[in-house]
C-alpha atoms as a PDB file:
ATOM      1  CA  MET A   1      -0.185  -0.251   0.307  1.00  0.00           C
ATOM      2  CA  ARG A   2       2.872   2.683   1.101  1.00  0.00           C
ATOM      3  CA  ASN A   3       4.685   2.084  -2.272  1.00  0.00           C
ATOM      4  CA  SER A   4       0.827   2.449  -4.224  1.00  0.00           C
ATOM      5  CA  LYS A   5       0.460   5.541  -2.825  1.00  0.00           C
ATOM      6  CA  LEU A   6       4.031   6.626  -3.482  1.00  0.00           C
ATOM      7  CA  VAL A   7       3.649   6.509  -7.258  1.00  0.00           C
ATOM      8  CA  ALA A   8       0.152   8.006  -6.665  1.00  0.00           C
ATOM      9  CA  THR A   9       2.067  10.853  -5.385  1.00  0.00           C
ATOM     10  CA  LYS A  10       5.131  11.268  -8.319  1.00  0.00           C
ATOM     11  CA  VAL A  11       1.951  11.157 -10.589  1.00  0.00           C
ATOM     12  CA  GLY A  12       0.535  13.746  -9.268  1.00  0.00           C
ATOM     13  CA  ILE A  13       3.117  16.509  -8.785  1.00  0.00           C
ATOM     14  CA  ALA A  14       4.244  15.354 -12.698  1.00  0.00           C
ATOM     15  CA  ALA A  15       0.892  17.003 -13.862  1.00  0.00           C
ATOM     16  CA  SER A  16       1.634  19.594 -11.358  1.00  0.00           C
ATOM     17  CA  MET A  17       4.505  21.103 -12.729  1.00  0.00           C
ATOM     18  CA  LEU A  18       3.191  20.599 -16.483  1.00  0.00           C
ATOM     19  CA  GLY A  19       0.829  23.315 -15.904  1.00  0.00           C
ATOM     20  CA  MET A  20       2.971  25.415 -15.057  1.00  0.00           C
ATOM     21  CA  VAL A  21       4.546  24.951 -18.349  1.00  0.00           C
ATOM     22  CA  VAL A  22       1.834  25.556 -19.766  1.00  0.00           C
ATOM     23  CA  ALA A  23       0.267  29.164 -17.901  1.00  0.00           C
ATOM     24  CA  LEU A  24       4.532  29.683 -18.548  1.00  0.00           C
ATOM     25  CA  SER A  25       4.494  29.927 -21.921  1.00  0.00           C
ATOM     26  CA  GLY A  26       1.243  31.760 -22.014  1.00  0.00           C
ATOM     27  CA  ILE A  27       3.353  34.654 -20.688  1.00  0.00           C
ATOM     28  CA  THR A  28       6.319  34.796 -22.179  1.00  0.00           C
ATOM     29  CA  SER A  29       4.415  34.851 -25.749  1.00  0.00           C
ATOM     30  CA  GLY A  30       3.608  38.808 -25.330  1.00  0.00           C
ATOM     31  CA  PHE A  31       7.367  39.808 -25.223  1.00  0.00           C
ATOM     32  CA  ALA A  32       8.050  38.026 -28.605  1.00  0.00           C
ATOM     33  CA  ALA A  33       8.803  41.374 -30.036  1.00  0.00           C
ATOM     34  CA  GLY A  34      12.274  42.492 -28.910  1.00  0.00           C
ATOM     35  CA  SER A  35      14.739  40.574 -25.869  1.00  0.00           C
ATOM     36  CA  THR A  36      14.880  44.479 -24.283  1.00  0.00           C
ATOM     37  CA  ALA A  37      11.916  46.180 -22.695  1.00  0.00           C
ATOM     38  CA  PRO A  38      10.661  48.621 -24.802  1.00  0.00           C
ATOM     39  CA  ALA A  39      12.141  52.631 -24.151  1.00  0.00           C
ATOM     40  CA  ALA A  40       9.568  55.752 -23.885  1.00  0.00           C
ATOM     41  CA  GLY A  41       9.734  58.251 -26.491  1.00  0.00           C
ATOM     42  CA  ASP A  42       9.966  58.988 -30.761  1.00  0.00           C
ATOM     43  CA  SER A  43      10.984  56.091 -33.406  1.00  0.00           C
ATOM     44  CA  GLY A  44      10.343  55.961 -36.644  1.00  0.00           C
ATOM     45  CA  ALA A  45       7.538  54.307 -38.031  1.00  0.00           C
ATOM     46  CA  GLY A  46       8.499  55.078 -42.069  1.00  0.00           C
ATOM     47  CA  THR A  47       8.002  57.536 -44.537  1.00  0.00           C
ATOM     48  CA  ALA A  48       5.309  58.227 -47.288  1.00  0.00           C
ATOM     49  CA  GLU A  49       5.441  60.497 -50.094  1.00  0.00           C
ATOM     50  CA  THR A  50       2.419  62.198 -51.453  1.00  0.00           C
ATOM     51  CA  SER A  51       1.879  63.376 -54.951  1.00  0.00           C
ATOM     52  CA  ALA A  52      -1.557  63.966 -57.181  1.00  0.00           C
ATOM     53  CA  SER A  53      -2.600  64.231 -60.606  1.00  0.00           C
ATOM     54  CA  VAL A  54      -3.899  67.641 -61.778  1.00  0.00           C
ATOM     55  CA  ILE A  55      -4.857  68.930 -65.522  1.00  0.00           C
ATOM     56  CA  VAL A  56      -3.894  72.530 -66.259  1.00  0.00           C
ATOM     57  CA  PRO A  57      -5.271  74.106 -68.761  1.00  0.00           C
ATOM     58  CA  PRO A  58      -4.074  76.246 -71.913  1.00  0.00           C
ATOM     59  CA  TRP A  59      -4.346  80.076 -70.774  1.00  0.00           C
ATOM     60  CA  CYS A  60      -8.039  81.628 -72.847  1.00  0.00           C
ATOM     61  CA  GLY A  61      -7.015  84.197 -75.980  1.00  0.00           C
ATOM     62  CA  TRP A  62      -8.997  85.528 -78.274  1.00  0.00           C
ATOM     63  CA  ASN A  63      -8.872  84.140 -82.123  1.00  0.00           C
ATOM     64  CA  ILE A  64      -9.799  85.087 -85.620  1.00  0.00           C
ATOM     65  CA  ASN A  65      -9.859  82.519 -88.978  1.00  0.00           C
ATOM     66  CA  PRO A  66      -9.909  82.036 -91.368  1.00  0.00           C
ATOM     67  CA  VAL A  67      -7.985  85.103 -91.877  1.00  0.00           C
ATOM     68  CA  VAL A  68      -8.527  87.507 -95.365  1.00  0.00           C
ATOM     69  CA  SER A  69      -5.857  88.124 -97.931  1.00  0.00           C
ATOM     70  CA  SER A  70      -7.331  89.297-100.700  1.00  0.00           C
ATOM     71  CA  ILE A  71     -11.160  90.430-101.147  1.00  0.00           C
ATOM     72  CA  THR A  72     -13.035  90.611-105.462  1.00  0.00           C
ATOM     73  CA  LEU A  73     -15.699  92.923-106.058  1.00  0.00           C
ATOM     74  CA  GLU A  74     -18.088  92.728-108.866  1.00  0.00           C
ATOM     75  CA  ALA A  75     -20.375  94.293-110.678  1.00  0.00           C
ATOM     76  CA  ALA A  76     -23.577  93.377-111.487  1.00  0.00           C
ATOM     77  CA  GLY A  77     -23.652  95.039-115.062  1.00  0.00           C
ATOM     78  CA  SER A  78     -21.691  97.407-117.530  1.00  0.00           C
ATOM     79  CA  TYR A  79     -20.161 101.335-117.004  1.00  0.00           C
ATOM     80  CA  LEU A  80     -22.494 103.659-118.520  1.00  0.00           C
ATOM     81  CA  GLY A  81     -21.465 106.850-117.417  1.00  0.00           C
ATOM     82  CA  ALA A  82     -24.018 106.160-114.119  1.00  0.00           C
ATOM     83  CA  ASP A  83     -22.958 105.061-110.839  1.00  0.00           C
ATOM     84  CA  LEU A  84     -22.057 101.120-110.036  1.00  0.00           C
ATOM     85  CA  ILE A  85     -22.004  99.184-107.781  1.00  0.00           C
ATOM     86  CA  LEU A  86     -19.610  96.914-106.520  1.00  0.00           C
ATOM     87  CA  THR A  87     -19.854  94.245-104.448  1.00  0.00           C
ATOM     88  CA  GLY A  88     -17.945  91.496-102.600  1.00  0.00           C
ATOM     89  CA  SER A  89     -18.114  89.415 -99.519  1.00  0.00           C
ATOM     90  CA  THR A  90     -16.507  87.554 -97.075  1.00  0.00           C
ATOM     91  CA  SER A  91     -16.956  83.479 -96.262  1.00  0.00           C
ATOM     92  CA  ALA A  92     -17.556  82.843 -93.089  1.00  0.00           C
ATOM     93  CA  VAL A  93     -15.559  84.469 -90.412  1.00  0.00           C
ATOM     94  CA  ASN A  94     -15.267  82.986 -86.669  1.00  0.00           C
ATOM     95  CA  ALA A  95     -14.000  85.131 -84.114  1.00  0.00           C
ATOM     96  CA  TYR A  96     -13.932  83.456 -80.713  1.00  0.00           C
ATOM     97  CA  VAL A  97     -12.815  83.025 -76.777  1.00  0.00           C
ATOM     98  CA  GLY A  98     -10.476  79.134 -76.857  1.00  0.00           C
ATOM     99  CA  ALA A  99      -7.062  78.386 -76.285  1.00  0.00           C
ATOM    100  CA  ALA A 100      -6.877  76.484 -79.744  1.00  0.00           C
ATOM    101  CA  THR A 101      -7.051  78.422 -83.577  1.00  0.00           C
ATOM    102  CA  GLY A 102      -9.020  77.260 -86.894  1.00  0.00           C
ATOM    103  CA  ALA A 103     -12.437  76.519 -84.350  1.00  0.00           C
ATOM    104  CA  THR A 104     -16.098  76.536 -86.233  1.00  0.00           C
ATOM    105  CA  THR A 105     -18.385  75.848 -83.655  1.00  0.00           C
ATOM    106  CA  ALA A 106     -18.213  77.868 -79.642  1.00  0.00           C
ATOM    107  CA  PRO A 107     -15.182  75.739 -77.852  1.00  0.00           C
ATOM    108  CA  ALA A 108     -16.463  73.669 -74.923  1.00  0.00           C
ATOM    109  CA  SER A 109     -16.383  76.447 -71.345  1.00  0.00           C
ATOM    110  CA  ASN A 110     -13.409  74.153 -69.431  1.00  0.00           C
ATOM    111  CA  ASN A 111     -11.324  74.529 -72.730  1.00  0.00           C
ATOM    112  CA  CYS A 112      -9.180  77.651 -71.715  1.00  0.00           C
ATOM    113  CA  SER A 113      -8.931  79.870 -68.456  1.00  0.00           C
ATOM    114  CA  TRP A 114      -7.932  83.339 -67.623  1.00  0.00           C
ATOM    115  CA  PHE A 115      -6.295  81.584 -64.058  1.00  0.00           C
ATOM    116  CA  GLY A 116      -7.880  84.621 -62.119  1.00  0.00           C
ATOM    117  CA  LYS A 117      -6.921  87.471 -64.448  1.00  0.00           C
ATOM    118  CA  THR A 118      -9.780  89.660 -65.454  1.00  0.00           C
ATOM    119  CA  PRO A 119     -10.847  88.519 -69.679  1.00  0.00           C
ATOM    120  CA  LEU A 120      -9.604  91.176 -71.987  1.00  0.00           C
ATOM    121  CA  THR A 121     -12.021  92.066 -74.032  1.00  0.00           C
ATOM    122  CA  ALA A 122     -11.563  92.501 -77.861  1.00  0.00           C
ATOM    123  CA  SER A 123     -11.653  94.882 -80.659  1.00  0.00           C
ATOM    124  CA  PHE A 124     -11.159  94.376 -84.375  1.00  0.00           C
ATOM    125  CA  GLY A 125     -10.690  96.920 -86.728  1.00  0.00           C
ATOM    126  CA  VAL A 126     -10.098  97.482 -90.431  1.00  0.00           C
ATOM    127  CA  THR A 127      -6.963 100.388 -91.513  1.00  0.00           C
ATOM    128  CA  ILE A 128      -6.084 101.644 -94.974  1.00  0.00           C
ATOM    129  CA  ALA A 129      -2.691 103.036 -94.851  1.00  0.00           C
ATOM    130  CA  PRO A 130      -2.005 106.784 -95.454  1.00  0.00           C
ATOM    131  CA  ASP A 131      -2.241 107.900 -99.617  1.00  0.00           C
ATOM    132  CA  ASN A 132      -3.536 103.636 -99.783  1.00  0.00           C
ATOM    133  CA  ALA A 133      -7.018 105.835 -99.715  1.00  0.00           C
ATOM    134  CA  LYS A 134      -8.257 105.075-103.467  1.00  0.00           C
ATOM    135  CA  PHE A 135      -9.027 102.842-106.274  1.00  0.00           C
ATOM    136  CA  THR A 136      -6.936 102.689-108.987  1.00  0.00           C
ATOM    137  CA  ALA A 137      -8.102 101.704-112.822  1.00  0.00           C
ATOM    138  CA  LYS A 138      -6.721  99.251-115.851  1.00  0.00           C
ATOM    139  CA  SER A 139      -7.384  98.051-118.735  1.00  0.00           C
ATOM    140  CA  GLY A 140      -5.093  94.895-119.675  1.00  0.00           C
ATOM    141  CA  SER A 141      -1.431  97.008-119.063  1.00  0.00           C
ATOM    142  CA  ASN A 142      -2.643 100.270-119.456  1.00  0.00           C
ATOM    143  CA  ALA A 143      -3.224 102.950-116.742  1.00  0.00           C
ATOM    144  CA  ASP A 144      -5.900 105.101-117.149  1.00  0.00           C
ATOM    145  CA  LEU A 145      -5.317 108.016-114.511  1.00  0.00           C
ATOM    146  CA  GLY A 146      -8.962 109.404-114.848  1.00  0.00           C
ATOM    147  CA  MET A 147     -11.372 105.562-114.086  1.00  0.00           C
ATOM    148  CA  GLY A 148     -10.462 106.313-110.940  1.00  0.00           C
ATOM    149  CA  TRP A 149     -11.110 107.591-107.476  1.00  0.00           C
ATOM    150  CA  ASP A 150     -10.237 108.676-104.135  1.00  0.00           C
ATOM    151  CA  LEU A 151     -12.423 107.328-101.234  1.00  0.00           C
ATOM    152  CA  SER A 152     -13.624 111.041-100.008  1.00  0.00           C
ATOM    153  CA  ASP A 153     -15.646 110.345-103.428  1.00  0.00           C
ATOM    154  CA  LYS A 154     -17.067 107.348-103.052  1.00  0.00           C
ATOM    155  CA  PRO A 155     -16.159 106.257 -99.953  1.00  0.00           C
ATOM    156  CA  LEU A 156     -15.731 101.968 -99.712  1.00  0.00           C
ATOM    157  CA  VAL A 157     -17.883 100.841 -97.001  1.00  0.00           C
ATOM    158  CA  ILE A 158     -18.122  97.267 -94.821  1.00  0.00           C
ATOM    159  CA  SER A 159     -20.820  95.577 -92.638  1.00  0.00           C
ATOM    160  CA  ASN A 160     -20.833  92.957 -91.180  1.00  0.00           C
ATOM    161  CA  THR A 161     -23.817  90.324 -90.847  1.00  0.00           C
ATOM    162  CA  PHE A 162     -23.458  88.357 -87.922  1.00  0.00           C
ATOM    163  CA  THR A 163     -25.524  84.550 -87.267  1.00  0.00           C
ATOM    164  CA  GLU A 164     -27.577  83.581 -84.023  1.00  0.00           C
ATOM    165  CA  GLY A 165     -25.521  83.898 -80.623  1.00  0.00           C
ATOM    166  CA  CYS A 166     -23.030  86.603 -81.620  1.00  0.00           C
ATOM    167  CA  THR A 167     -24.979  89.149 -79.897  1.00  0.00           C
ATOM    168  CA  ALA A 168     -25.858  87.382 -76.682  1.00  0.00           C
ATOM    169  CA  ALA A 169     -22.228  86.426 -76.981  1.00  0.00           C
ATOM    170  CA  GLY A 170     -21.217  89.960 -76.488  1.00  0.00           C
ATOM    171  CA  PHE A 171     -20.389  90.580 -80.078  1.00  0.00           C
ATOM    172  CA  THR A 172     -21.487  94.066 -81.402  1.00  0.00           C
ATOM    173  CA  PRO A 173     -20.790  95.111 -84.997  1.00  0.00           C
ATOM    174  CA  ASN A 174     -20.406  98.404 -86.677  1.00  0.00           C
ATOM    175  CA  PRO A 175     -23.097  98.491 -89.250  1.00  0.00           C
ATOM    176  CA  GLY A 176     -22.055 101.477 -91.111  1.00  0.00           C
ATOM    177  CA  ALA A 177     -18.769 101.265 -91.450  1.00  0.00           C
ATOM    178  CA  SER A 178     -17.535 103.648 -93.463  1.00  0.00           C
ATOM    179  CA  MET A 179     -14.139 103.993 -94.984  1.00  0.00           C
ATOM    180  CA  ALA A 180     -13.840 107.344 -96.254  1.00  0.00           C
ATOM    181  CA  ALA A 181     -10.026 107.972 -96.052  1.00  0.00           C
ATOM    182  CA  ALA A 182      -7.343 106.591 -94.072  1.00  0.00           C
ATOM    183  CA  GLY A 183      -7.313 105.001 -90.622  1.00  0.00           C
ATOM    184  CA  THR A 184      -9.152 102.497 -88.949  1.00  0.00           C
ATOM    185  CA  THR A 185     -12.835 101.809 -88.266  1.00  0.00           C
ATOM    186  CA  GLU A 186     -14.287  99.856 -86.186  1.00  0.00           C
ATOM    187  CA  ALA A 187     -15.757  96.416 -87.697  1.00  0.00           C
ATOM    188  CA  TRP A 188     -16.605  94.540 -83.859  1.00  0.00           C
ATOM    189  CA  SER A 189     -16.122  94.937 -80.432  1.00  0.00           C
ATOM    190  CA  VAL A 190     -16.619  92.776 -77.166  1.00  0.00           C
ATOM    191  CA  SER A 191     -16.862  95.138 -74.349  1.00  0.00           C
ATOM    192  CA  THR A 192     -18.824  93.051 -71.634  1.00  0.00           C
ATOM    193  CA  GLY A 193     -19.264  89.810 -70.662  1.00  0.00           C
ATOM    194  CA  VAL A 194     -15.972  87.632 -71.636  1.00  0.00           C
ATOM    195  CA  LEU A 195     -15.717  84.333 -70.500  1.00  0.00           C
ATOM    196  CA  THR A 196     -13.750  81.083 -71.085  1.00  0.00           C
ATOM    197  CA  ASN A 197     -15.458  80.546 -74.566  1.00  0.00           C
ATOM    198  CA  ASN A 198     -17.527  83.682 -76.873  1.00  0.00           C
ATOM    199  CA  PHE A 199     -17.824  82.775 -80.421  1.00  0.00           C
ATOM    200  CA  CYS A 200     -19.332  85.003 -83.129  1.00  0.00           C
ATOM    201  CA  ASN A 201     -19.447  83.190 -87.421  1.00  0.00           C
ATOM    202  CA  TYR A 202     -20.044  86.155 -89.280  1.00  0.00           C
ATOM    203  CA  SER A 203     -20.076  87.368 -92.587  1.00  0.00           C
ATOM    204  CA  VAL A 204     -18.062  90.696 -94.051  1.00  0.00           C
ATOM    205  CA  SER A 205     -19.354  92.249 -97.067  1.00  0.00           C
ATOM    206  CA  TYR A 206     -18.120  95.047 -98.566  1.00  0.00           C
ATOM    207  CA  THR A 207     -19.576  98.173-101.276  1.00  0.00           C
ATOM    208  CA  ALA A 208     -17.596 100.089-103.602  1.00  0.00           C
ATOM    209  CA  THR A 209     -18.999 102.771-106.134  1.00  0.00           C
ATOM    210  CA  ILE A 210     -18.048 103.583-108.877  1.00  0.00           C
ATOM    211  CA  PRO A 211     -18.540 107.464-109.611  1.00  0.00           C
ATOM    212  CA  ALA A 212     -20.799 108.748-112.807  1.00  0.00           C
ATOM    213  CA  ASN A 213     -19.215 110.759-115.073  1.00  0.00           C
ATOM    214  CA  LYS A 214     -16.314 108.557-115.973  1.00  0.00           C
ATOM    215  CA  GLN A 215     -14.406 109.130-119.802  1.00  0.00           C
ATOM    216  CA  PRO A 216     -12.329 105.534-120.182  1.00  0.00           C
ATOM    217  CA  ILE A 217     -10.188 105.874-122.609  1.00  0.00           C
ATOM    218  CA  TYR A 218     -10.186 102.433-123.927  1.00  0.00           C
ATOM    219  CA  GLY A 219     -13.598 101.317-124.962  1.00  0.00           C
ATOM    220  CA  ASN A 220     -14.194  97.379-125.676  1.00  0.00           C
ATOM    221  CA  SER A 221     -12.585  96.474-122.692  1.00  0.00           C
ATOM    222  CA  THR A 222     -12.297  95.345-119.330  1.00  0.00           C
ATOM    223  CA  TYR A 223     -11.217  97.534-116.946  1.00  0.00           C
ATOM    224  CA  VAL A 224      -9.691  96.115-113.710  1.00  0.00           C
ATOM    225  CA  PHE A 225      -9.978  97.947-110.491  1.00  0.00           C
ATOM    226  CA  THR A 226      -7.371  98.409-108.249  1.00  0.00           C
ATOM    227  CA  GLY A 227      -8.849  99.412-104.492  1.00  0.00           C
ATOM    228  CA  PRO A 228      -7.262 100.272-100.903  1.00  0.00           C
ATOM    229  CA  SER A 229      -5.293  97.409 -98.632  1.00  0.00           C
ATOM    230  CA  LEU A 230      -7.122  96.029 -95.530  1.00  0.00           C
ATOM    231  CA  ILE A 231      -5.545  96.125 -92.972  1.00  0.00           C
ATOM    232  CA  HIS A 232      -6.872  93.790 -89.795  1.00  0.00           C
ATOM    233  CA  THR A 233      -5.837  94.562 -86.492  1.00  0.00           C
ATOM    234  CA  LEU A 234      -7.507  92.501 -83.548  1.00  0.00           C
ATOM    235  CA  THR A 235      -6.800  94.623 -80.163  1.00  0.00           C
ATOM    236  CA  THR A 236      -7.223  93.273 -76.866  1.00  0.00           C
ATOM    237  CA  GLU A 237      -7.208  94.544 -74.106  1.00  0.00           C
END
């Protein structure tokens, strides 16, 4: 009996020691991050870079196209000694605020930006240089000074025909731009309400008049009249 109790006691001790090992293992696992005690204070935790991609549109600006290089005037009949009206017109012209040249319709409102700057107003002027405010005449290669005339006698009249939307976009035409001398005449202007895509499509007509009572030197021929050079200027401010 004594031996059997002794064995039972040994088994009980062994089981108790096993329980201690399990308990200690659970306690020590909480310190697995380092072999020393943590110190108070700052410690590096890594760095992170920040970045972003943002589209910046172009600056806004005024544009006009196409640029007219020549204007041909035609008569409704022959010159018979009375006033003879000569007329001509340009193809469609586009004037607008935008970032690109060559637009034929209004650009999108976000196509450009004034970036907080006060939007620029615009005006379009036609200039005749000094000593050029006249029409000269030739029959073939032969000049006929008597068939020419100064604009002070019969002016060159310029008028714009706006399409729908030009007025709403702030464009104001000069309905009777008459050029009777050298100098500059304003054809249209935009003075208020400039946005990022003001747009106007228009055509320009020109009217000149051969004065009455001219006596051509050369009959039975075709006369060619050469008028003043028109300098076009788009001014912004």
